[in-house]
Amino acid sequence: MRIAFFGQAAFGKDVMVRLADDGHEIVGVYVPPDVSAGRPDPLAVEAGERDLRLLRHRRFRRKGAAIAELVEEHRELGADLNVLAFVTAILPPEIVDAPPHGSLCFHPSLLPRFRGGAALAWQVICGERESGVTIFRPDEGVDTGPIVVQRGGVVIEPTHTAGTLYFEHLYVLGVEAMAEAVAAVAAGTARYRPQDESKATFQGLVGDEQARVDWSRSALEIDRLLRGCDPQPGAHAKLEGQTIRLFDARLLDGESPEPAGTVLSIRDGKAQIAASGGIVEVGRVRVADGKKVAAAEAGIEPGQRLR
């Protein structure tokens, strides 16, 4: 099958390599432009090494002649199917629906639950117990199209961060699910199952507003917020007037009479912080625009209070 591939990062690279190894022809690879002074995107590097046609656009929602050029560029590839592997750009329907078999898109949750661009974070923040991946055919909605392949059974442990949930479990499952879905489309055996709207949830992005620690919340809720915002954007609070972002968190047994947000102790470089109904331990922090360091290295001391 001739595939126009849209993706980025290591996940995009591994999905593309798997599809190529399965015998599909990659006729074009769309990767966002590299961030200035950043590391080259692994998918772009792989496409270059394979001498594939590499197409780099930051945005696809354009008007007039600009959108016409993008649509024509895509049409010339002669793709049978678009594959979208962790795509953050919004593609116009003139591209999404253009190939004979349309498009397949990866999503890191069990749709219709946790639609939106921060599904990983919200699953941890909301205390979801099970996760998985979904391959669906995109339509005009946000993650609302019919499901082709869905694989669940991933238990979200009380120690998972958004990062570990993805890299330790959903990443590999997603590669396999996409390969399965593309194979089904190629064989003509794909079955498209409508999503059950009665079970749908939608969560927006997680920015600084959502990542602000509210010390009036329970220790359990704060722990989930810290883990859900790890590695990005980092849940944050104020310490001595500076913004401090908190990482590598876990919920400890016990309780303290000290006000929530009070640093109780520093052990093995980690800070133990009082919260309502429990104690939250933080392993690493980032103060202002600095680098992530152990909590002890940041100068955090017992008796200080995060607000």
C-alpha atoms as a PDB file:
ATOM      1  CA  MET A   1       0.000   0.000   0.000  1.00  0.00           C
ATOM      2  CA  ARG A   2       1.241   3.497  -0.856  1.00  0.00           C
ATOM      3  CA  ILE A   3       1.335   5.545   2.341  1.00  0.00           C
ATOM      4  CA  ALA A   4       1.684   9.276   2.957  1.00  0.00           C
ATOM      5  CA  PHE A   5       3.124   9.396   6.455  1.00  0.00           C
ATOM      6  CA  PHE A   6       2.534  12.229   8.939  1.00  0.00           C
ATOM      7  CA  GLY A   7       4.360  12.138  12.259  1.00  0.00           C
ATOM      8  CA  GLN A   8       7.252  13.179  14.428  1.00  0.00           C
ATOM      9  CA  ALA A   9       9.780  12.092  17.028  1.00  0.00           C
ATOM     10  CA  ALA A  10      10.888   8.546  17.833  1.00  0.00           C
ATOM     11  CA  PHE A  11       7.350   7.160  17.794  1.00  0.00           C
ATOM     12  CA  GLY A  12       6.774   8.437  14.264  1.00  0.00           C
ATOM     13  CA  LYS A  13      10.074   6.951  13.170  1.00  0.00           C
ATOM     14  CA  ASP A  14       9.341   3.537  14.650  1.00  0.00           C
ATOM     15  CA  VAL A  15       5.847   3.386  13.154  1.00  0.00           C
ATOM     16  CA  MET A  16       7.185   4.337   9.729  1.00  0.00           C
ATOM     17  CA  VAL A  17       9.994   1.773   9.930  1.00  0.00           C
ATOM     18  CA  ARG A  18       7.528  -0.927  10.953  1.00  0.00           C
ATOM     19  CA  LEU A  19       5.203  -0.141   8.042  1.00  0.00           C
ATOM     20  CA  ALA A  20       8.112  -0.113   5.588  1.00  0.00           C
ATOM     21  CA  ASP A  21       9.343  -3.440   6.990  1.00  0.00           C
ATOM     22  CA  ASP A  22       5.827  -4.814   6.485  1.00  0.00           C
ATOM     23  CA  GLY A  23       6.166  -4.087   2.776  1.00  0.00           C
ATOM     24  CA  HIS A  24       4.236  -0.841   2.454  1.00  0.00           C
ATOM     25  CA  GLU A  25       5.622   1.908   0.236  1.00  0.00           C
ATOM     26  CA  ILE A  26       6.188   5.233   1.981  1.00  0.00           C
ATOM     27  CA  VAL A  27       5.624   7.819  -0.761  1.00  0.00           C
ATOM     28  CA  GLY A  28       6.080  10.922   1.380  1.00  0.00           C
ATOM     29  CA  VAL A  29       6.955  11.815   4.958  1.00  0.00           C
ATOM     30  CA  TYR A  30       5.524  14.933   6.603  1.00  0.00           C
ATOM     31  CA  VAL A  31       7.478  16.137   9.651  1.00  0.00           C
ATOM     32  CA  PRO A  32       7.207  19.517  11.411  1.00  0.00           C
ATOM     33  CA  PRO A  33      10.252  21.784  10.923  1.00  0.00           C
ATOM     34  CA  ASP A  34      12.950  21.375  13.570  1.00  0.00           C
ATOM     35  CA  VAL A  35      12.903  23.814  16.448  1.00  0.00           C
ATOM     36  CA  SER A  36      15.752  26.307  16.121  1.00  0.00           C
ATOM     37  CA  ALA A  37      18.951  24.950  17.709  1.00  0.00           C
ATOM     38  CA  GLY A  38      17.108  21.770  18.712  1.00  0.00           C
ATOM     39  CA  ARG A  39      18.021  18.189  17.906  1.00  0.00           C
ATOM     40  CA  PRO A  40      16.985  16.900  14.477  1.00  0.00           C
ATOM     41  CA  ASP A  41      13.689  15.031  14.500  1.00  0.00           C
ATOM     42  CA  PRO A  42      14.330  11.235  14.461  1.00  0.00           C
ATOM     43  CA  LEU A  43      11.619  10.683  11.857  1.00  0.00           C
ATOM     44  CA  ALA A  44      13.119  13.307   9.548  1.00  0.00           C
ATOM     45  CA  VAL A  45      16.563  11.766   9.975  1.00  0.00           C
ATOM     46  CA  GLU A  46      15.248   8.277   9.177  1.00  0.00           C
ATOM     47  CA  ALA A  47      13.378   9.544   6.127  1.00  0.00           C
ATOM     48  CA  GLY A  48      16.552  11.215   4.881  1.00  0.00           C
ATOM     49  CA  GLU A  49      18.618   8.077   5.367  1.00  0.00           C
ATOM     50  CA  ARG A  50      16.042   6.102   3.395  1.00  0.00           C
ATOM     51  CA  ASP A  51      15.997   8.763   0.661  1.00  0.00           C
ATOM     52  CA  LEU A  52      12.261   9.279   1.094  1.00  0.00           C
ATOM     53  CA  ARG A  53      10.511  12.444   0.022  1.00  0.00           C
ATOM     54  CA  LEU A  54      10.509  14.705   3.089  1.00  0.00           C
ATOM     55  CA  LEU A  55       7.907  17.460   3.380  1.00  0.00           C
ATOM     56  CA  ARG A  56       8.091  19.951   6.249  1.00  0.00           C
ATOM     57  CA  HIS A  57       5.214  22.266   7.044  1.00  0.00           C
ATOM     58  CA  ARG A  58       4.454  23.889  10.388  1.00  0.00           C
ATOM     59  CA  ARG A  59       0.778  24.436   9.562  1.00  0.00           C
ATOM     60  CA  PHE A  60      -1.719  22.951   7.119  1.00  0.00           C
ATOM     61  CA  ARG A  61      -4.775  25.091   7.799  1.00  0.00           C
ATOM     62  CA  ARG A  62      -4.168  27.756   5.160  1.00  0.00           C
ATOM     63  CA  LYS A  63      -6.366  29.673   2.754  1.00  0.00           C
ATOM     64  CA  GLY A  64      -6.565  30.322  -0.958  1.00  0.00           C
ATOM     65  CA  ALA A  65      -3.530  29.529  -3.067  1.00  0.00           C
ATOM     66  CA  ALA A  66      -1.495  28.364  -0.063  1.00  0.00           C
ATOM     67  CA  ILE A  67      -3.874  25.520   0.806  1.00  0.00           C
ATOM     68  CA  ALA A  68      -4.235  24.642  -2.862  1.00  0.00           C
ATOM     69  CA  GLU A  69      -0.467  24.162  -3.090  1.00  0.00           C
ATOM     70  CA  LEU A  70      -0.436  21.829  -0.089  1.00  0.00           C
ATOM     71  CA  VAL A  71      -3.344  19.795  -1.435  1.00  0.00           C
ATOM     72  CA  GLU A  72      -1.682  19.482  -4.849  1.00  0.00           C
ATOM     73  CA  GLU A  73       1.624  18.502  -3.241  1.00  0.00           C
ATOM     74  CA  HIS A  74      -0.170  15.735  -1.362  1.00  0.00           C
ATOM     75  CA  ARG A  75      -2.185  14.628  -4.423  1.00  0.00           C
ATOM     76  CA  GLU A  76       1.002  14.183  -6.450  1.00  0.00           C
ATOM     77  CA  LEU A  77       2.208  11.557  -3.987  1.00  0.00           C
ATOM     78  CA  GLY A  78      -0.518   9.191  -5.179  1.00  0.00           C
ATOM     79  CA  ALA A  79      -1.080   7.795  -1.690  1.00  0.00           C
ATOM     80  CA  ASP A  80      -3.617   5.050  -1.036  1.00  0.00           C
ATOM     81  CA  LEU A  81      -3.718   5.913   2.671  1.00  0.00           C
ATOM     82  CA  ASN A  82      -2.556   8.612   5.083  1.00  0.00           C
ATOM     83  CA  VAL A  83      -1.026   7.442   8.374  1.00  0.00           C
ATOM     84  CA  LEU A  84      -0.987   9.957  11.233  1.00  0.00           C
ATOM     85  CA  ALA A  85       1.416   8.979  14.019  1.00  0.00           C
ATOM     86  CA  PHE A  86       1.197  11.476  16.897  1.00  0.00           C
ATOM     87  CA  VAL A  87       0.380  14.449  14.695  1.00  0.00           C
ATOM     88  CA  THR A  88      -0.157  17.783  16.463  1.00  0.00           C
ATOM     89  CA  ALA A  89      -0.963  19.867  13.366  1.00  0.00           C
ATOM     90  CA  ILE A  90      -4.575  20.063  12.206  1.00  0.00           C
ATOM     91  CA  LEU A  91      -4.892  18.672   8.681  1.00  0.00           C
ATOM     92  CA  PRO A  92      -7.572  19.989   6.334  1.00  0.00           C
ATOM     93  CA  PRO A  93     -10.235  17.565   5.043  1.00  0.00           C
ATOM     94  CA  GLU A  94      -8.880  18.090   1.514  1.00  0.00           C
ATOM     95  CA  ILE A  95      -5.840  16.080   2.656  1.00  0.00           C
ATOM     96  CA  VAL A  96      -7.366  13.827   5.329  1.00  0.00           C
ATOM     97  CA  ASP A  97     -10.033  12.448   2.996  1.00  0.00           C
ATOM     98  CA  ALA A  98      -8.073  12.556  -0.259  1.00  0.00           C
ATOM     99  CA  PRO A  99      -6.608   9.014  -0.514  1.00  0.00           C
ATOM    100  CA  PRO A 100      -8.921   6.162  -1.560  1.00  0.00           C
ATOM    101  CA  HIS A 101      -8.653   4.690   1.951  1.00  0.00           C
ATOM    102  CA  GLY A 102      -8.665   8.010   3.788  1.00  0.00           C
ATOM    103  CA  SER A 103      -6.521   8.300   6.912  1.00  0.00           C
ATOM    104  CA  LEU A 104      -5.658   6.365  10.055  1.00  0.00           C
ATOM    105  CA  CYS A 105      -4.751   8.245  13.238  1.00  0.00           C
ATOM    106  CA  PHE A 106      -3.132   7.144  16.516  1.00  0.00           C
ATOM    107  CA  HIS A 107      -4.503   8.267  19.888  1.00  0.00           C
ATOM    108  CA  PRO A 108      -3.064   7.333  23.325  1.00  0.00           C
ATOM    109  CA  SER A 109      -6.304   6.508  25.137  1.00  0.00           C
ATOM    110  CA  LEU A 110      -9.288   4.225  24.888  1.00  0.00           C
ATOM    111  CA  LEU A 111     -11.537   6.452  22.817  1.00  0.00           C
ATOM    112  CA  PRO A 112     -14.086   7.871  23.231  1.00  0.00           C
ATOM    113  CA  ARG A 113     -12.614   8.589  26.667  1.00  0.00           C
ATOM    114  CA  PHE A 114      -9.980  11.317  26.901  1.00  0.00           C
ATOM    115  CA  ARG A 115     -10.303  12.954  23.550  1.00  0.00           C
ATOM    116  CA  GLY A 116      -7.992  15.908  23.014  1.00  0.00           C
ATOM    117  CA  GLY A 117      -4.327  16.744  22.750  1.00  0.00           C
ATOM    118  CA  ALA A 118      -3.327  15.965  26.346  1.00  0.00           C
ATOM    119  CA  ALA A 119      -4.865  12.527  26.804  1.00  0.00           C
ATOM    120  CA  LEU A 120      -1.801  11.109  28.538  1.00  0.00           C
ATOM    121  CA  ALA A 121      -1.692  13.818  31.185  1.00  0.00           C
ATOM    122  CA  TRP A 122      -5.417  13.793  31.914  1.00  0.00           C
ATOM    123  CA  GLN A 123      -5.617  10.035  32.363  1.00  0.00           C
ATOM    124  CA  VAL A 124      -3.110  10.279  35.214  1.00  0.00           C
ATOM    125  CA  ILE A 125      -4.545  13.524  36.647  1.00  0.00           C
ATOM    126  CA  CYS A 126      -8.089  12.133  36.689  1.00  0.00           C
ATOM    127  CA  GLY A 127      -7.053   8.855  38.306  1.00  0.00           C
ATOM    128  CA  GLU A 128      -8.051   6.641  35.376  1.00  0.00           C
ATOM    129  CA  ARG A 129      -7.306   3.000  36.116  1.00  0.00           C
ATOM    130  CA  GLU A 130      -6.928   1.545  32.612  1.00  0.00           C
ATOM    131  CA  SER A 131      -5.357   2.906  29.465  1.00  0.00           C
ATOM    132  CA  GLY A 132      -4.671   1.748  25.951  1.00  0.00           C
ATOM    133  CA  VAL A 133      -4.411   2.969  22.372  1.00  0.00           C
ATOM    134  CA  THR A 134      -6.853   3.597  19.571  1.00  0.00           C
ATOM    135  CA  ILE A 135      -6.402   3.733  15.817  1.00  0.00           C
ATOM    136  CA  PHE A 136      -9.303   5.566  14.214  1.00  0.00           C
ATOM    137  CA  ARG A 137     -10.315   7.206  10.976  1.00  0.00           C
ATOM    138  CA  PRO A 138     -10.358  10.984  11.594  1.00  0.00           C
ATOM    139  CA  ASP A 139     -13.381  13.040  10.661  1.00  0.00           C
ATOM    140  CA  GLU A 140     -14.347  16.681  11.179  1.00  0.00           C
ATOM    141  CA  GLY A 141     -14.458  16.335  14.993  1.00  0.00           C
ATOM    142  CA  VAL A 142     -11.658  16.115  17.560  1.00  0.00           C
ATOM    143  CA  ASP A 143     -10.777  12.420  17.916  1.00  0.00           C
ATOM    144  CA  THR A 144     -14.370  11.473  17.062  1.00  0.00           C
ATOM    145  CA  GLY A 145     -13.969   9.231  14.012  1.00  0.00           C
ATOM    146  CA  PRO A 146     -14.771   5.510  13.772  1.00  0.00           C
ATOM    147  CA  ILE A 147     -12.406   3.068  15.454  1.00  0.00           C
ATOM    148  CA  VAL A 148     -10.414   0.537  13.437  1.00  0.00           C
ATOM    149  CA  VAL A 149      -8.198  -1.026  16.121  1.00  0.00           C
ATOM    150  CA  GLN A 150      -8.255  -0.579  19.884  1.00  0.00           C
ATOM    151  CA  ARG A 151      -5.963  -2.242  22.406  1.00  0.00           C
ATOM    152  CA  GLY A 152      -6.453  -1.815  26.151  1.00  0.00           C
ATOM    153  CA  GLY A 153      -5.503  -3.657  29.302  1.00  0.00           C
ATOM    154  CA  VAL A 154      -2.777  -1.250  30.409  1.00  0.00           C
ATOM    155  CA  VAL A 155      -3.111  -0.692  34.151  1.00  0.00           C
ATOM    156  CA  ILE A 156      -2.270   2.852  35.212  1.00  0.00           C
ATOM    157  CA  GLU A 157      -0.208   2.341  38.340  1.00  0.00           C
ATOM    158  CA  PRO A 158      -0.099   4.888  41.191  1.00  0.00           C
ATOM    159  CA  THR A 159       3.539   5.530  40.282  1.00  0.00           C
ATOM    160  CA  HIS A 160       2.999   6.245  36.585  1.00  0.00           C
ATOM    161  CA  THR A 161       3.761   9.650  35.161  1.00  0.00           C
ATOM    162  CA  ALA A 162       2.411  10.704  31.792  1.00  0.00           C
ATOM    163  CA  GLY A 163       5.893   9.974  30.462  1.00  0.00           C
ATOM    164  CA  THR A 164       6.318   6.488  31.903  1.00  0.00           C
ATOM    165  CA  LEU A 165       2.769   5.482  30.935  1.00  0.00           C
ATOM    166  CA  TYR A 166       3.555   6.401  27.345  1.00  0.00           C
ATOM    167  CA  PHE A 167       7.121   5.192  26.938  1.00  0.00           C
ATOM    168  CA  GLU A 168       6.847   2.006  28.994  1.00  0.00           C
ATOM    169  CA  HIS A 169       3.471   0.839  27.699  1.00  0.00           C
ATOM    170  CA  LEU A 170       1.513   2.812  25.098  1.00  0.00           C
ATOM    171  CA  TYR A 171       4.436   3.467  22.748  1.00  0.00           C
ATOM    172  CA  VAL A 172       5.046  -0.162  21.792  1.00  0.00           C
ATOM    173  CA  LEU A 173       1.333  -0.959  21.874  1.00  0.00           C
ATOM    174  CA  GLY A 174       0.707   1.963  19.511  1.00  0.00           C
ATOM    175  CA  VAL A 175       3.267   0.784  16.968  1.00  0.00           C
ATOM    176  CA  GLU A 176       1.691  -2.671  16.920  1.00  0.00           C
ATOM    177  CA  ALA A 177      -1.849  -1.323  16.720  1.00  0.00           C
ATOM    178  CA  MET A 178      -1.034   0.929  13.771  1.00  0.00           C
ATOM    179  CA  ALA A 179       0.668  -1.911  11.922  1.00  0.00           C
ATOM    180  CA  GLU A 180      -2.404  -4.068  12.526  1.00  0.00           C
ATOM    181  CA  ALA A 181      -4.786  -1.370  11.318  1.00  0.00           C
ATOM    182  CA  VAL A 182      -2.822  -0.663   8.132  1.00  0.00           C
ATOM    183  CA  ALA A 183      -2.634  -4.385   7.385  1.00  0.00           C
ATOM    184  CA  ALA A 184      -6.401  -4.674   7.773  1.00  0.00           C
ATOM    185  CA  VAL A 185      -7.014  -1.742   5.425  1.00  0.00           C
ATOM    186  CA  ALA A 186      -4.620  -3.230   2.859  1.00  0.00           C
ATOM    187  CA  ALA A 187      -6.330  -6.616   3.072  1.00  0.00           C
ATOM    188  CA  GLY A 188      -9.812  -5.116   2.838  1.00  0.00           C
ATOM    189  CA  THR A 189     -10.786  -6.549   6.227  1.00  0.00           C
ATOM    190  CA  ALA A 190     -10.865  -3.306   8.262  1.00  0.00           C
ATOM    191  CA  ARG A 191     -14.082  -2.720  10.175  1.00  0.00           C
ATOM    192  CA  TYR A 192     -14.936   0.821  11.245  1.00  0.00           C
ATOM    193  CA  ARG A 193     -16.815   0.965  14.563  1.00  0.00           C
ATOM    194  CA  PRO A 194     -18.549   4.229  15.540  1.00  0.00           C
ATOM    195  CA  GLN A 195     -17.556   5.668  18.900  1.00  0.00           C
ATOM    196  CA  ASP A 196     -20.095   5.507  21.709  1.00  0.00           C
ATOM    197  CA  GLU A 197     -20.867   9.175  22.352  1.00  0.00           C
ATOM    198  CA  SER A 198     -22.533   8.366  25.668  1.00  0.00           C
ATOM    199  CA  LYS A 199     -19.070   7.475  27.037  1.00  0.00           C
ATOM    200  CA  ALA A 200     -17.170  10.364  25.455  1.00  0.00           C
ATOM    201  CA  THR A 201     -15.031  12.776  27.449  1.00  0.00           C
ATOM    202  CA  PHE A 202     -12.978  15.682  26.189  1.00  0.00           C
ATOM    203  CA  GLN A 203     -10.121  17.363  27.998  1.00  0.00           C
ATOM    204  CA  GLY A 204      -8.233  20.349  26.666  1.00  0.00           C
ATOM    205  CA  LEU A 205      -4.517  20.964  26.737  1.00  0.00           C
ATOM    206  CA  VAL A 206      -2.572  21.106  29.993  1.00  0.00           C
ATOM    207  CA  GLY A 207      -0.904  24.484  30.326  1.00  0.00           C
ATOM    208  CA  ASP A 208       0.353  26.475  33.276  1.00  0.00           C
ATOM    209  CA  GLU A 209      -3.160  27.297  34.436  1.00  0.00           C
ATOM    210  CA  GLN A 210      -4.109  23.629  34.732  1.00  0.00           C
ATOM    211  CA  ALA A 211      -0.673  22.666  36.130  1.00  0.00           C
ATOM    212  CA  ARG A 212      -0.780  25.074  39.097  1.00  0.00           C
ATOM    213  CA  VAL A 213      -0.733  23.180  42.398  1.00  0.00           C
ATOM    214  CA  ASP A 214      -3.694  24.004  44.629  1.00  0.00           C
ATOM    215  CA  TRP A 215      -2.553  23.073  48.134  1.00  0.00           C
ATOM    216  CA  SER A 216      -6.146  23.012  49.355  1.00  0.00           C
ATOM    217  CA  ARG A 217      -6.662  19.840  47.334  1.00  0.00           C
ATOM    218  CA  SER A 218      -6.038  16.384  48.797  1.00  0.00           C
ATOM    219  CA  ALA A 219      -2.621  14.757  48.765  1.00  0.00           C
ATOM    220  CA  LEU A 220      -3.956  12.154  46.344  1.00  0.00           C
ATOM    221  CA  GLU A 221      -5.131  14.799  43.876  1.00  0.00           C
ATOM    222  CA  ILE A 222      -1.854  16.734  44.137  1.00  0.00           C
ATOM    223  CA  ASP A 223       0.158  13.564  43.554  1.00  0.00           C
ATOM    224  CA  ARG A 224      -1.876  12.800  40.430  1.00  0.00           C
ATOM    225  CA  LEU A 225      -1.410  16.349  39.149  1.00  0.00           C
ATOM    226  CA  LEU A 226       2.358  16.192  39.651  1.00  0.00           C
ATOM    227  CA  ARG A 227       2.614  12.847  37.879  1.00  0.00           C
ATOM    228  CA  GLY A 228       0.230  13.820  35.080  1.00  0.00           C
ATOM    229  CA  CYS A 229       2.256  16.966  34.321  1.00  0.00           C
ATOM    230  CA  ASP A 230       5.546  15.037  34.273  1.00  0.00           C
ATOM    231  CA  PRO A 231       7.496  15.571  32.029  1.00  0.00           C
ATOM    232  CA  GLN A 232       5.488  18.443  30.526  1.00  0.00           C
ATOM    233  CA  PRO A 233       4.644  21.138  31.448  1.00  0.00           C
ATOM    234  CA  GLY A 234       5.624  20.363  35.040  1.00  0.00           C
ATOM    235  CA  ALA A 235       3.207  21.067  37.883  1.00  0.00           C
ATOM    236  CA  HIS A 236       4.264  24.274  39.572  1.00  0.00           C
ATOM    237  CA  ALA A 237       4.019  26.258  42.798  1.00  0.00           C
ATOM    238  CA  LYS A 238       5.687  29.288  44.328  1.00  0.00           C
ATOM    239  CA  LEU A 239       8.642  29.060  46.699  1.00  0.00           C
ATOM    240  CA  GLU A 240      10.181  32.219  48.116  1.00  0.00           C
ATOM    241  CA  GLY A 241       8.549  34.141  45.276  1.00  0.00           C
ATOM    242  CA  GLN A 242       9.977  31.945  42.519  1.00  0.00           C
ATOM    243  CA  THR A 243       8.145  29.489  40.305  1.00  0.00           C
ATOM    244  CA  ILE A 244       9.218  25.929  41.036  1.00  0.00           C
ATOM    245  CA  ARG A 245       8.190  22.918  38.951  1.00  0.00           C
ATOM    246  CA  LEU A 246       7.934  19.525  40.613  1.00  0.00           C
ATOM    247  CA  PHE A 247       8.883  16.156  39.125  1.00  0.00           C
ATOM    248  CA  ASP A 248       9.456  12.510  40.085  1.00  0.00           C
ATOM    249  CA  ALA A 249       6.664  12.622  42.646  1.00  0.00           C
ATOM    250  CA  ARG A 250       5.120   9.872  44.702  1.00  0.00           C
ATOM    251  CA  LEU A 251       2.558   9.688  47.479  1.00  0.00           C
ATOM    252  CA  LEU A 252       3.881   8.552  50.861  1.00  0.00           C
ATOM    253  CA  ASP A 253       2.033   7.005  53.758  1.00  0.00           C
ATOM    254  CA  GLY A 254       1.514   9.169  56.779  1.00  0.00           C
ATOM    255  CA  GLU A 255       0.248  12.629  57.560  1.00  0.00           C
ATOM    256  CA  SER A 256       1.600  15.817  59.064  1.00  0.00           C
ATOM    257  CA  PRO A 257       0.023  18.524  61.218  1.00  0.00           C
ATOM    258  CA  GLU A 258       2.004  21.131  59.289  1.00  0.00           C
ATOM    259  CA  PRO A 259       0.150  23.344  56.766  1.00  0.00           C
ATOM    260  CA  ALA A 260      -0.143  21.902  53.260  1.00  0.00           C
ATOM    261  CA  GLY A 261       2.851  22.858  51.128  1.00  0.00           C
ATOM    262  CA  THR A 262       5.320  22.808  54.047  1.00  0.00           C
ATOM    263  CA  VAL A 263       8.640  21.067  53.364  1.00  0.00           C
ATOM    264  CA  LEU A 264       8.904  18.509  56.160  1.00  0.00           C
ATOM    265  CA  SER A 265      12.296  16.985  55.429  1.00  0.00           C
ATOM    266  CA  ILE A 266      14.937  16.241  52.821  1.00  0.00           C
ATOM    267  CA  ARG A 267      15.925  12.585  52.474  1.00  0.00           C
ATOM    268  CA  ASP A 268      18.172  11.104  49.790  1.00  0.00           C
ATOM    269  CA  GLY A 269      17.987  14.415  47.964  1.00  0.00           C
ATOM    270  CA  LYS A 270      14.169  14.323  47.830  1.00  0.00           C
ATOM    271  CA  ALA A 271      11.737  16.706  49.485  1.00  0.00           C
ATOM    272  CA  GLN A 272       8.850  15.438  51.606  1.00  0.00           C
ATOM    273  CA  ILE A 273       5.998  17.955  51.491  1.00  0.00           C
ATOM    274  CA  ALA A 274       2.900  18.102  53.664  1.00  0.00           C
ATOM    275  CA  ALA A 275      -0.482  17.867  51.989  1.00  0.00           C
ATOM    276  CA  SER A 276      -4.039  17.317  53.108  1.00  0.00           C
ATOM    277  CA  GLY A 277      -4.385  13.664  54.065  1.00  0.00           C
ATOM    278  CA  GLY A 278      -0.867  12.618  53.140  1.00  0.00           C
ATOM    279  CA  ILE A 279       2.699  13.478  52.243  1.00  0.00           C
ATOM    280  CA  VAL A 280       3.982  14.069  48.713  1.00  0.00           C
ATOM    281  CA  GLU A 281       7.614  13.328  47.938  1.00  0.00           C
ATOM    282  CA  VAL A 282       9.298  15.243  45.111  1.00  0.00           C
ATOM    283  CA  GLY A 283      12.539  13.963  43.626  1.00  0.00           C
ATOM    284  CA  ARG A 284      13.522  16.702  41.192  1.00  0.00           C
ATOM    285  CA  VAL A 285      12.605  20.318  40.646  1.00  0.00           C
ATOM    286  CA  ARG A 286      13.180  23.120  38.191  1.00  0.00           C
ATOM    287  CA  VAL A 287      13.413  26.606  39.597  1.00  0.00           C
ATOM    288  CA  ALA A 288      12.393  29.419  37.235  1.00  0.00           C
ATOM    289  CA  ASP A 289      14.085  28.717  33.868  1.00  0.00           C
ATOM    290  CA  GLY A 290      16.854  26.538  35.276  1.00  0.00           C
ATOM    291  CA  LYS A 291      17.573  22.866  34.736  1.00  0.00           C
ATOM    292  CA  LYS A 292      15.963  19.963  36.554  1.00  0.00           C
ATOM    293  CA  VAL A 293      17.987  19.089  39.660  1.00  0.00           C
ATOM    294  CA  ALA A 294      17.500  17.045  42.795  1.00  0.00           C
ATOM    295  CA  ALA A 295      15.303  18.846  45.290  1.00  0.00           C
ATOM    296  CA  ALA A 296      18.219  19.106  47.734  1.00  0.00           C
ATOM    297  CA  GLU A 297      20.444  20.697  45.076  1.00  0.00           C
ATOM    298  CA  ALA A 298      17.851  23.439  44.520  1.00  0.00           C
ATOM    299  CA  GLY A 299      18.387  24.679  48.046  1.00  0.00           C
ATOM    300  CA  ILE A 300      14.999  23.566  49.338  1.00  0.00           C
ATOM    301  CA  GLU A 301      15.039  23.308  53.133  1.00  0.00           C
ATOM    302  CA  PRO A 302      12.718  21.933  55.804  1.00  0.00           C
ATOM    303  CA  GLY A 303      10.322  24.551  57.090  1.00  0.00           C
ATOM    304  CA  GLN A 304       9.917  26.350  53.786  1.00  0.00           C
ATOM    305  CA  ARG A 305       6.417  26.434  52.388  1.00  0.00           C
ATOM    306  CA  LEU A 306       5.293  26.090  48.800  1.00  0.00           C
ATOM    307  CA  ARG A 307       2.241  28.131  47.901  1.00  0.00           C
END
